[in-house]
PDB file of N, CA and C in Angstrom:
ATOM      1  N   UNK A   1      99.939  24.910-164.390  1.00  0.00           N
ATOM      2  CA  UNK A   1      99.792  25.313-162.616  1.00  0.00           C
ATOM      3  C   UNK A   1      99.270  26.629-162.528  1.00  0.00           C
ATOM      4  N   UNK A   2      98.368  26.635-161.752  1.00  0.00           N
ATOM      5  CA  UNK A   2      97.719  27.802-161.396  1.00  0.00           C
ATOM      6  C   UNK A   2      98.428  28.718-160.563  1.00  0.00           C
ATOM      7  N   UNK A   3      98.508  29.952-160.429  1.00  0.00           N
ATOM      8  CA  UNK A   3      99.047  30.794-159.451  1.00  0.00           C
ATOM      9  C   UNK A   3      98.415  30.847-158.097  1.00  0.00           C
ATOM     10  N   UNK A   4      97.183  30.258-158.267  1.00  0.00           N
ATOM     11  CA  UNK A   4      96.364  30.202-156.716  1.00  0.00           C
ATOM     12  C   UNK A   4      96.744  29.162-155.935  1.00  0.00           C
ATOM     13  N   UNK A   5      97.713  28.129-156.609  1.00  0.00           N
ATOM     14  CA  UNK A   5      98.184  26.932-155.693  1.00  0.00           C
ATOM     15  C   UNK A   5      99.376  27.578-154.676  1.00  0.00           C
ATOM     16  N   UNK A   6      99.815  28.517-154.822  1.00  0.00           N
ATOM     17  CA  UNK A   6     100.886  29.156-154.214  1.00  0.00           C
ATOM     18  C   UNK A   6     100.488  30.000-153.078  1.00  0.00           C
ATOM     19  N   UNK A   7     100.474  29.634-151.789  1.00  0.00           N
ATOM     20  CA  UNK A   7      99.940  30.564-150.856  1.00  0.00           C
ATOM     21  C   UNK A   7     100.884  31.756-150.532  1.00  0.00           C
ATOM     22  N   UNK A   8     100.107  32.781-150.261  1.00  0.00           N
ATOM     23  CA  UNK A   8     100.727  34.064-150.155  1.00  0.00           C
ATOM     24  C   UNK A   8     101.042  33.921-148.738  1.00  0.00           C
ATOM     25  N   UNK A   9     101.924  34.807-148.447  1.00  0.00           N
ATOM     26  CA  UNK A   9     102.490  34.769-146.838  1.00  0.00           C
ATOM     27  C   UNK A   9     101.268  35.133-145.976  1.00  0.00           C
ATOM     28  N   UNK A  10     100.400  36.136-146.437  1.00  0.00           N
ATOM     29  CA  UNK A  10      99.273  36.550-145.526  1.00  0.00           C
ATOM     30  C   UNK A  10      98.098  35.490-145.389  1.00  0.00           C
ATOM     31  N   UNK A  11      98.126  34.588-146.503  1.00  0.00           N
ATOM     32  CA  UNK A  11      96.992  33.622-146.496  1.00  0.00           C
ATOM     33  C   UNK A  11      97.451  32.306-145.964  1.00  0.00           C
ATOM     34  N   UNK A  12      98.682  32.183-145.753  1.00  0.00           N
ATOM     35  CA  UNK A  12      99.572  30.843-145.553  1.00  0.00           C
ATOM     36  C   UNK A  12      99.189  30.327-144.096  1.00  0.00           C
ATOM     37  N   UNK A  13      98.788  29.062-143.752  1.00  0.00           N
ATOM     38  CA  UNK A  13      98.622  28.675-142.490  1.00  0.00           C
ATOM     39  C   UNK A  13      99.696  29.104-141.598  1.00  0.00           C
ATOM     40  N   UNK A  14      99.615  29.045-140.179  1.00  0.00           N
ATOM     41  CA  UNK A  14     100.909  29.548-139.347  1.00  0.00           C
ATOM     42  C   UNK A  14     101.726  28.510-139.144  1.00  0.00           C
ATOM     43  N   UNK A  15     103.099  28.553-139.278  1.00  0.00           N
ATOM     44  CA  UNK A  15     103.939  27.514-139.003  1.00  0.00           C
ATOM     45  C   UNK A  15     104.768  27.795-137.804  1.00  0.00           C
ATOM     46  N   UNK A  16     105.086  26.758-136.917  1.00  0.00           N
ATOM     47  CA  UNK A  16     105.832  26.998-135.722  1.00  0.00           C
ATOM     48  C   UNK A  16     107.211  27.373-136.245  1.00  0.00           C
ATOM     49  N   UNK A  17     108.328  28.019-135.456  1.00  0.00           N
ATOM     50  CA  UNK A  17     109.363  28.275-135.928  1.00  0.00           C
ATOM     51  C   UNK A  17     110.229  27.020-136.316  1.00  0.00           C
ATOM     52  N   UNK A  18     110.067  25.790-135.519  1.00  0.00           N
ATOM     53  CA  UNK A  18     110.778  24.560-135.728  1.00  0.00           C
ATOM     54  C   UNK A  18     110.271  23.996-137.281  1.00  0.00           C
ATOM     55  N   UNK A  19     108.955  24.319-137.462  1.00  0.00           N
ATOM     56  CA  UNK A  19     108.575  23.859-138.557  1.00  0.00           C
ATOM     57  C   UNK A  19     109.016  24.475-139.915  1.00  0.00           C
ATOM     58  N   UNK A  20     109.156  25.967-139.758  1.00  0.00           N
ATOM     59  CA  UNK A  20     109.771  26.706-140.714  1.00  0.00           C
ATOM     60  C   UNK A  20     111.072  26.413-141.033  1.00  0.00           C
ATOM     61  N   UNK A  21     111.898  26.361-139.995  1.00  0.00           N
ATOM     62  CA  UNK A  21     113.376  25.684-139.965  1.00  0.00           C
ATOM     63  C   UNK A  21     113.512  24.367-140.769  1.00  0.00           C
ATOM     64  N   UNK A  22     112.728  23.555-140.344  1.00  0.00           N
ATOM     65  CA  UNK A  22     112.683  22.017-140.957  1.00  0.00           C
ATOM     66  C   UNK A  22     112.257  22.324-142.478  1.00  0.00           C
ATOM     67  N   UNK A  23     111.313  22.979-142.872  1.00  0.00           N
ATOM     68  CA  UNK A  23     110.747  23.486-144.235  1.00  0.00           C
ATOM     69  C   UNK A  23     111.951  23.854-145.202  1.00  0.00           C
ATOM     70  N   UNK A  24     112.772  24.914-144.403  1.00  0.00           N
ATOM     71  CA  UNK A  24     113.676  25.431-145.206  1.00  0.00           C
ATOM     72  C   UNK A  24     114.793  24.573-145.481  1.00  0.00           C
ATOM     73  N   UNK A  25     115.060  23.551-144.514  1.00  0.00           N
ATOM     74  CA  UNK A  25     116.266  22.662-144.727  1.00  0.00           C
ATOM     75  C   UNK A  25     116.044  21.634-145.985  1.00  0.00           C
ATOM     76  N   UNK A  26     114.566  21.168-145.802  1.00  0.00           N
ATOM     77  CA  UNK A  26     113.955  20.134-146.842  1.00  0.00           C
ATOM     78  C   UNK A  26     114.090  20.824-148.170  1.00  0.00           C
ATOM     79  N   UNK A  27     113.723  22.166-148.268  1.00  0.00           N
ATOM     80  CA  UNK A  27     113.475  22.851-149.557  1.00  0.00           C
ATOM     81  C   UNK A  27     114.822  23.163-150.133  1.00  0.00           C
ATOM     82  N   UNK A  28     116.015  23.119-149.204  1.00  0.00           N
ATOM     83  CA  UNK A  28     117.301  23.382-149.638  1.00  0.00           C
ATOM     84  C   UNK A  28     117.812  22.050-150.256  1.00  0.00           C
ATOM     85  N   UNK A  29     117.234  20.982-150.050  1.00  0.00           N
ATOM     86  CA  UNK A  29     117.533  19.635-150.732  1.00  0.00           C
ATOM     87  C   UNK A  29     118.040  18.680-149.552  1.00  0.00           C
ATOM     88  N   UNK A  30     118.085  19.064-148.489  1.00  0.00           N
ATOM     89  CA  UNK A  30     118.617  18.179-147.241  1.00  0.00           C
ATOM     90  C   UNK A  30     117.828  17.013-147.238  1.00  0.00           C
ATOM     91  N   UNK A  31     118.456  15.902-146.482  1.00  0.00           N
ATOM     92  CA  UNK A  31     117.717  14.477-146.392  1.00  0.00           C
ATOM     93  C   UNK A  31     117.042  14.808-144.897  1.00  0.00           C
ATOM     94  N   UNK A  32     116.128  13.797-144.692  1.00  0.00           N
ATOM     95  CA  UNK A  32     115.616  13.963-143.224  1.00  0.00           C
ATOM     96  C   UNK A  32     116.732  13.691-142.125  1.00  0.00           C
ATOM     97  N   UNK A  33     117.799  12.882-142.533  1.00  0.00           N
ATOM     98  CA  UNK A  33     118.830  12.508-141.672  1.00  0.00           C
ATOM     99  C   UNK A  33     119.869  14.098-141.584  1.00  0.00           C
ATOM    100  N   UNK A  34     120.025  14.618-142.704  1.00  0.00           N
ATOM    101  CA  UNK A  34     120.944  15.844-142.380  1.00  0.00           C
ATOM    102  C   UNK A  34     120.208  16.928-141.884  1.00  0.00           C
ATOM    103  N   UNK A  35     118.883  16.940-141.896  1.00  0.00           N
ATOM    104  CA  UNK A  35     118.059  18.067-141.179  1.00  0.00           C
ATOM    105  C   UNK A  35     117.952  17.675-139.613  1.00  0.00           C
ATOM    106  N   UNK A  36     117.831  16.480-139.513  1.00  0.00           N
ATOM    107  CA  UNK A  36     117.887  16.115-137.997  1.00  0.00           C
ATOM    108  C   UNK A  36     119.105  16.645-137.427  1.00  0.00           C
ATOM    109  N   UNK A  37     120.253  16.085-138.045  1.00  0.00           N
ATOM    110  CA  UNK A  37     121.579  16.384-137.465  1.00  0.00           C
ATOM    111  C   UNK A  37     121.653  17.733-137.370  1.00  0.00           C
ATOM    112  N   UNK A  38     121.496  18.524-138.191  1.00  0.00           N
ATOM    113  CA  UNK A  38     121.654  19.954-138.161  1.00  0.00           C
ATOM    114  C   UNK A  38     120.743  20.642-136.955  1.00  0.00           C
ATOM    115  N   UNK A  39     119.712  20.145-136.972  1.00  0.00           N
ATOM    116  CA  UNK A  39     118.798  20.738-135.916  1.00  0.00           C
ATOM    117  C   UNK A  39     118.837  20.083-134.549  1.00  0.00           C
ATOM    118  N   UNK A  40     119.634  19.006-134.389  1.00  0.00           N
ATOM    119  CA  UNK A  40     119.877  18.349-133.306  1.00  0.00           C
ATOM    120  C   UNK A  40     118.607  17.524-132.755  1.00  0.00           C
ATOM    121  N   UNK A  41     117.800  16.935-133.727  1.00  0.00           N
ATOM    122  CA  UNK A  41     116.615  16.097-133.550  1.00  0.00           C
ATOM    123  C   UNK A  41     116.630  14.698-133.947  1.00  0.00           C
ATOM    124  N   UNK A  42     115.800  14.029-133.655  1.00  0.00           N
ATOM    125  CA  UNK A  42     115.689  12.674-134.415  1.00  0.00           C
ATOM    126  C   UNK A  42     114.962  12.697-135.895  1.00  0.00           C
ATOM    127  N   UNK A  43     115.376  11.968-136.470  1.00  0.00           N
ATOM    128  CA  UNK A  43     114.460  11.584-137.897  1.00  0.00           C
ATOM    129  C   UNK A  43     113.119  11.646-137.736  1.00  0.00           C
ATOM    130  N   UNK A  44     112.433  11.165-136.589  1.00  0.00           N
ATOM    131  CA  UNK A  44     111.178  10.889-136.293  1.00  0.00           C
ATOM    132  C   UNK A  44     110.594  12.227-136.327  1.00  0.00           C
ATOM    133  N   UNK A  45     111.159  13.235-135.408  1.00  0.00           N
ATOM    134  CA  UNK A  45     110.781  14.428-135.139  1.00  0.00           C
ATOM    135  C   UNK A  45     110.750  15.410-136.349  1.00  0.00           C
ATOM    136  N   UNK A  46     111.661  15.150-137.401  1.00  0.00           N
ATOM    137  CA  UNK A  46     111.592  15.927-138.483  1.00  0.00           C
ATOM    138  C   UNK A  46     110.580  15.262-139.355  1.00  0.00           C
ATOM    139  N   UNK A  47     110.354  13.932-139.273  1.00  0.00           N
ATOM    140  CA  UNK A  47     109.011  13.342-140.030  1.00  0.00           C
ATOM    141  C   UNK A  47     107.764  14.151-139.312  1.00  0.00           C
ATOM    142  N   UNK A  48     107.803  14.095-138.022  1.00  0.00           N
ATOM    143  CA  UNK A  48     106.463  14.687-137.573  1.00  0.00           C
ATOM    144  C   UNK A  48     106.402  16.286-137.999  1.00  0.00           C
ATOM    145  N   UNK A  49     107.190  17.009-137.822  1.00  0.00           N
ATOM    146  CA  UNK A  49     107.094  18.418-138.402  1.00  0.00           C
ATOM    147  C   UNK A  49     106.553  18.345-139.851  1.00  0.00           C
ATOM    148  N   UNK A  50     107.191  17.576-140.680  1.00  0.00           N
ATOM    149  CA  UNK A  50     106.756  17.688-142.057  1.00  0.00           C
ATOM    150  C   UNK A  50     105.388  16.963-142.549  1.00  0.00           C
ATOM    151  N   UNK A  51     105.022  16.307-141.545  1.00  0.00           N
ATOM    152  CA  UNK A  51     103.523  15.577-141.761  1.00  0.00           C
ATOM    153  C   UNK A  51     102.679  16.723-141.094  1.00  0.00           C
ATOM    154  N   UNK A  52     102.903  17.638-140.197  1.00  0.00           N
ATOM    155  CA  UNK A  52     102.305  18.678-139.606  1.00  0.00           C
ATOM    156  C   UNK A  52     102.103  19.728-140.708  1.00  0.00           C
ATOM    157  N   UNK A  53     103.390  19.902-141.451  1.00  0.00           N
ATOM    158  CA  UNK A  53     103.280  21.066-142.593  1.00  0.00           C
ATOM    159  C   UNK A  53     102.357  20.637-143.645  1.00  0.00           C
ATOM    160  N   UNK A  54     102.697  19.192-144.143  1.00  0.00           N
ATOM    161  CA  UNK A  54     101.785  18.808-145.213  1.00  0.00           C
ATOM    162  C   UNK A  54     100.295  18.953-144.959  1.00  0.00           C
ATOM    163  N   UNK A  55      99.858  18.448-143.676  1.00  0.00           N
ATOM    164  CA  UNK A  55      98.357  18.618-143.164  1.00  0.00           C
ATOM    165  C   UNK A  55      97.921  20.060-143.235  1.00  0.00           C
ATOM    166  N   UNK A  56      98.805  21.049-142.939  1.00  0.00           N
ATOM    167  CA  UNK A  56      98.443  22.462-142.723  1.00  0.00           C
ATOM    168  C   UNK A  56      98.221  22.782-144.140  1.00  0.00           C
ATOM    169  N   UNK A  57      99.015  22.642-145.207  1.00  0.00           N
ATOM    170  CA  UNK A  57      98.905  23.067-146.515  1.00  0.00           C
ATOM    171  C   UNK A  57      98.329  22.016-147.633  1.00  0.00           C
ATOM    172  N   UNK A  58      98.039  20.938-146.980  1.00  0.00           N
ATOM    173  CA  UNK A  58      97.079  19.863-147.577  1.00  0.00           C
ATOM    174  C   UNK A  58      97.894  19.394-148.925  1.00  0.00           C
ATOM    175  N   UNK A  59      99.343  19.139-148.354  1.00  0.00           N
ATOM    176  CA  UNK A  59     100.409  18.668-149.578  1.00  0.00           C
ATOM    177  C   UNK A  59     100.290  17.342-149.749  1.00  0.00           C
ATOM    178  N   UNK A  60     100.199  16.863-150.847  1.00  0.00           N
ATOM    179  CA  UNK A  60      99.849  15.471-151.091  1.00  0.00           C
ATOM    180  C   UNK A  60     101.166  14.582-151.893  1.00  0.00           C
ATOM    181  N   UNK A  61     102.246  15.498-152.438  1.00  0.00           N
ATOM    182  CA  UNK A  61     103.420  14.925-152.914  1.00  0.00           C
ATOM    183  C   UNK A  61     104.645  15.620-152.564  1.00  0.00           C
ATOM    184  N   UNK A  62     105.800  14.930-153.056  1.00  0.00           N
ATOM    185  CA  UNK A  62     107.176  15.477-152.383  1.00  0.00           C
ATOM    186  C   UNK A  62     107.621  16.538-152.888  1.00  0.00           C
ATOM    187  N   UNK A  63     107.203  17.163-154.031  1.00  0.00           N
ATOM    188  CA  UNK A  63     107.656  18.493-154.693  1.00  0.00           C
ATOM    189  C   UNK A  63     107.009  19.667-153.991  1.00  0.00           C
ATOM    190  N   UNK A  64     105.775  19.528-153.531  1.00  0.00           N
ATOM    191  CA  UNK A  64     105.127  20.663-153.053  1.00  0.00           C
ATOM    192  C   UNK A  64     105.644  21.325-151.743  1.00  0.00           C
ATOM    193  N   UNK A  65     106.508  20.633-150.945  1.00  0.00           N
ATOM    194  CA  UNK A  65     106.919  21.425-149.830  1.00  0.00           C
ATOM    195  C   UNK A  65     107.991  22.383-150.404  1.00  0.00           C
ATOM    196  N   UNK A  66     108.723  22.005-151.340  1.00  0.00           N
ATOM    197  CA  UNK A  66     109.574  23.001-151.718  1.00  0.00           C
ATOM    198  C   UNK A  66     108.988  24.189-152.459  1.00  0.00           C
ATOM    199  N   UNK A  67     107.886  23.854-152.988  1.00  0.00           N
ATOM    200  CA  UNK A  67     107.166  25.065-153.950  1.00  0.00           C
ATOM    201  C   UNK A  67     106.563  26.016-152.690  1.00  0.00           C
ATOM    202  N   UNK A  68     105.953  25.343-151.508  1.00  0.00           N
ATOM    203  CA  UNK A  68     105.601  26.219-150.537  1.00  0.00           C
ATOM    204  C   UNK A  68     106.644  26.967-149.594  1.00  0.00           C
ATOM    205  N   UNK A  69     107.961  26.375-149.583  1.00  0.00           N
ATOM    206  CA  UNK A  69     108.964  27.187-148.967  1.00  0.00           C
ATOM    207  C   UNK A  69     109.373  28.454-149.858  1.00  0.00           C
ATOM    208  N   UNK A  70     109.481  28.071-151.258  1.00  0.00           N
ATOM    209  CA  UNK A  70     109.646  29.303-152.190  1.00  0.00           C
ATOM    210  C   UNK A  70     108.650  30.402-151.958  1.00  0.00           C
ATOM    211  N   UNK A  71     107.391  29.948-151.924  1.00  0.00           N
ATOM    212  CA  UNK A  71     106.274  30.859-151.814  1.00  0.00           C
ATOM    213  C   UNK A  71     106.291  31.580-150.453  1.00  0.00           C
ATOM    214  N   UNK A  72     106.709  31.330-149.498  1.00  0.00           N
ATOM    215  CA  UNK A  72     106.828  31.717-148.313  1.00  0.00           C
ATOM    216  C   UNK A  72     107.947  32.519-148.256  1.00  0.00           C
ATOM    217  N   UNK A  73     109.065  32.565-149.000  1.00  0.00           N
ATOM    218  CA  UNK A  73     110.146  33.125-148.946  1.00  0.00           C
ATOM    219  C   UNK A  73     111.248  32.416-147.954  1.00  0.00           C
ATOM    220  N   UNK A  74     111.233  31.200-147.574  1.00  0.00           N
ATOM    221  CA  UNK A  74     112.089  30.486-147.002  1.00  0.00           C
ATOM    222  C   UNK A  74     113.439  30.228-147.629  1.00  0.00           C
TER     223      UNK A  74
END
């Protein structure tokens, strides 16, 4: 795996505060339902936030959101 795959905080696309919070929960191993309950949202909203995050970072698999969260220091 190349080091260029990890976005640096200065090169990373901007995330909205709720997107950052969602990514932090998912990277911590929480399910969509657990994340939704903790944030006071529906699972559909959590899914929408994660779809936006995936689009911003061109993520195509389930492991990459965690890698991105670590690279961003979340």
